[in-house]
Amino acid sequence: METTAEYKLVKDTHKLEKLEQIVSEMITNGWKPVGGIAFNNGFAYQAMARLSKSPKAEVIKPLKESPKETTREIGLTTSQVMGARYREEI
């Protein structure tokens, strides 16, 4: 068995109605908050992490290019690209 590190970003509106519920459920399932709540453009974010045992850990390969190189090619700022990646548009 190998140990796998998992990381998720939980998002909600600034009212925090669902964020509290989701974070509480994740804590019950072995997740731990990483840092505090961050706010950006009317949304609240909480980073969560946990270590789990799995038969075979998934290897995540680093990106071949930096976000700055990517943004130059498509004419967007780094923030625009990261936002689009988060929304799974890219």
Protein backbone atom coordinates (compact mmCIF):
# COMPACT_ATOMS: atom_id res chain seq x y z
CA MET A 1 0.00 0.00 0.00
CA GLU A 2 1.19 3.48 -0.86
CA THR A 3 0.19 6.77 0.73
CA THR A 4 -1.60 9.20 -1.55
CA ALA A 5 -1.88 12.90 -0.78
CA GLU A 6 -5.13 14.50 -1.90
CA TYR A 7 -5.86 18.22 -2.19
CA LYS A 8 -9.16 19.90 -3.02
CA LEU A 9 -10.37 23.47 -3.19
CA VAL A 10 -13.91 24.04 -1.93
CA LYS A 11 -15.75 27.10 -3.31
CA ASP A 12 -18.93 28.92 -2.30
CA THR A 13 -20.47 32.39 -2.45
CA HIS A 14 -19.40 34.97 0.13
CA LYS A 15 -22.43 34.02 2.27
CA LEU A 16 -20.70 30.73 3.23
CA GLU A 17 -23.99 28.81 3.33
CA LYS A 18 -22.77 25.61 1.67
CA LEU A 19 -19.06 26.03 2.45
CA GLU A 20 -19.58 25.34 6.15
CA GLN A 21 -21.61 22.21 5.39
CA ILE A 22 -19.16 20.86 2.79
CA VAL A 23 -16.09 21.51 4.97
CA SER A 24 -17.78 19.84 7.96
CA GLU A 25 -18.58 16.75 5.88
CA MET A 26 -15.03 16.61 4.53
CA ILE A 27 -13.55 16.86 8.05
CA THR A 28 -15.75 13.90 9.05
CA ASN A 29 -14.28 11.98 6.10
CA GLY A 30 -10.66 12.57 7.15
CA TRP A 31 -9.91 15.84 5.33
CA LYS A 32 -8.17 18.73 7.12
CA PRO A 33 -8.40 22.43 6.32
CA VAL A 34 -5.21 23.98 4.97
CA GLY A 35 -4.96 27.58 6.13
CA GLY A 36 -8.01 29.80 6.44
CA ILE A 37 -10.82 30.86 4.16
CA ALA A 38 -9.80 33.06 1.22
CA PHE A 39 -12.11 35.46 -0.59
CA ASN A 40 -11.86 36.51 -4.25
CA ASN A 41 -14.43 38.09 -6.59
CA GLY A 42 -17.38 37.36 -4.31
CA PHE A 43 -16.46 33.73 -3.69
CA ALA A 44 -15.07 32.01 -0.60
CA TYR A 45 -12.45 29.27 -0.93
CA GLN A 46 -11.15 26.70 1.55
CA ALA A 47 -8.26 24.38 0.73
CA MET A 48 -8.58 20.84 2.11
CA ALA A 49 -6.04 18.00 2.22
CA ARG A 50 -5.78 14.40 3.43
CA LEU A 51 -3.47 11.42 3.26
CA SER A 52 -4.96 8.07 2.35
CA LYS A 53 -3.70 4.56 1.73
CA SER A 54 -4.27 3.17 -1.74
CA PRO A 55 -3.15 0.02 -3.54
CA LYS A 56 -1.31 2.11 -6.12
CA ALA A 57 -0.72 5.83 -5.78
CA GLU A 58 -1.42 7.94 -8.84
CA VAL A 59 1.60 9.82 -10.12
CA ILE A 60 0.83 13.38 -11.20
CA LYS A 61 3.28 14.70 -13.75
CA PRO A 62 4.22 18.39 -13.60
CA LEU A 63 3.17 20.70 -16.43
CA LYS A 64 5.71 20.83 -19.25
CA GLU A 65 5.34 24.56 -19.61
CA SER A 66 4.91 27.37 -17.13
CA PRO A 67 1.61 29.28 -17.00
CA LYS A 68 3.46 32.41 -18.21
CA GLU A 69 4.57 30.64 -21.41
CA THR A 70 1.02 29.43 -21.98
CA THR A 71 -0.51 32.87 -21.44
CA ARG A 72 1.84 34.46 -23.97
CA GLU A 73 0.74 31.98 -26.61
CA ILE A 74 -3.00 32.57 -26.18
CA GLY A 75 -2.92 36.25 -25.12
CA LEU A 76 -4.45 35.93 -21.63
CA THR A 77 -3.19 36.91 -18.20
CA THR A 78 -2.10 34.20 -15.78
CA SER A 79 -5.17 34.90 -13.61
CA GLN A 80 -7.50 34.45 -16.58
CA VAL A 81 -5.90 31.13 -17.50
CA MET A 82 -5.98 29.82 -13.92
CA GLY A 83 -9.64 30.85 -13.58
CA ALA A 84 -10.51 29.07 -16.83
CA ARG A 85 -8.64 25.96 -15.68
CA TYR A 86 -10.54 26.00 -12.37
CA ARG A 87 -13.86 26.26 -14.24
CA GLU A 88 -12.62 23.40 -16.48
CA GLU A 89 -12.95 25.53 -19.61
CA ILE A 90 -9.37 24.67 -20.62
